[in-house]
Amino acid sequence: MLYRRIRDLREDKDLTQTEMGKILMCSQRVYSNYECGELDIPTEILIKLAKYHNVSVDYILGITDNKQPYK
């Protein structure tokens, strides 16, 4: 679920993997590996993704379906 969620969040903003890689300061290849589940997503990147997409880390991880970040 984690990998589908980060792909869906990226696609919702009409971003390419290359653009997302630039935002996260990693290569397209590394970002693609995150989406495919071939690489574990480091905590730092997980936090950056949550902040960028304005969702909670729990949402990205599939712990909750509530997208709202903690306040």
Protein backbone atom coordinates (compact mmCIF):
# COMPACT_ATOMS: atom_id res chain seq x y z
CA MET A 1 0.00 0.00 0.00
CA LEU A 2 2.85 2.39 0.83
CA TYR A 3 4.24 2.24 -2.68
CA ARG A 4 0.86 2.71 -4.34
CA ARG A 5 0.14 5.70 -2.12
CA ILE A 6 3.34 7.56 -2.98
CA ARG A 7 2.70 6.90 -6.68
CA ASP A 8 -0.91 8.07 -6.42
CA LEU A 9 0.09 11.21 -4.51
CA ARG A 10 2.69 12.01 -7.19
CA GLU A 11 0.25 11.38 -10.02
CA ASP A 12 -2.45 13.50 -8.32
CA LYS A 13 -0.07 16.46 -8.73
CA ASP A 14 0.79 15.47 -12.32
CA LEU A 15 4.47 15.10 -11.42
CA THR A 16 6.93 12.79 -13.13
CA GLN A 17 9.30 10.58 -11.18
CA THR A 18 12.12 12.85 -12.33
CA GLU A 19 10.38 15.92 -10.91
CA MET A 20 9.67 14.12 -7.65
CA GLY A 21 13.30 13.02 -7.46
CA LYS A 22 14.42 16.64 -7.79
CA ILE A 23 12.04 17.69 -5.01
CA LEU A 24 13.45 14.97 -2.76
CA MET A 25 17.03 15.53 -3.95
CA CYS A 26 17.46 12.02 -5.32
CA SER A 27 17.64 10.57 -8.81
CA GLN A 28 14.65 9.42 -10.83
CA ARG A 29 16.01 5.89 -10.57
CA VAL A 30 16.09 5.99 -6.76
CA TYR A 31 12.60 7.47 -6.60
CA SER A 32 11.34 4.82 -9.02
CA ASN A 33 12.83 2.16 -6.74
CA TYR A 34 10.89 3.67 -3.82
CA GLU A 35 7.63 3.47 -5.79
CA CYS A 36 8.31 -0.10 -6.90
CA GLY A 37 9.23 -1.23 -3.40
CA GLU A 38 12.75 -2.16 -4.45
CA LEU A 39 14.25 0.23 -1.89
CA ASP A 40 13.04 0.95 1.61
CA ILE A 41 12.13 4.60 1.97
CA PRO A 42 14.36 6.30 4.54
CA THR A 43 12.56 8.09 7.35
CA GLU A 44 13.90 11.45 6.18
CA ILE A 45 12.41 10.93 2.71
CA LEU A 46 9.13 9.69 4.18
CA ILE A 47 8.85 12.90 6.21
CA LYS A 48 9.68 15.03 3.14
CA LEU A 49 6.99 13.21 1.13
CA ALA A 50 4.39 13.76 3.87
CA LYS A 51 5.24 17.46 4.15
CA TYR A 52 5.29 17.99 0.39
CA HIS A 53 1.93 16.28 -0.15
CA ASN A 54 0.47 17.70 3.09
CA VAL A 55 -0.52 14.29 4.39
CA SER A 56 0.41 12.34 7.50
CA VAL A 57 3.21 9.79 7.49
CA ASP A 58 0.61 7.36 8.85
CA TYR A 59 -1.41 7.87 5.66
CA ILE A 60 1.61 7.13 3.46
CA LEU A 61 2.39 4.02 5.51
CA GLY A 62 -1.19 2.79 5.24
CA ILE A 63 -1.85 2.98 8.98
CA THR A 64 -4.81 5.29 8.39
CA ASP A 65 -6.93 6.41 5.47
CA ASN A 66 -7.08 9.93 6.91
CA LYS A 67 -4.82 12.13 4.78
CA GLN A 68 -4.73 15.00 7.25
CA PRO A 69 -1.35 15.62 8.88
CA TYR A 70 -1.10 15.97 12.63
CA LYS A 71 -1.47 19.49 13.97
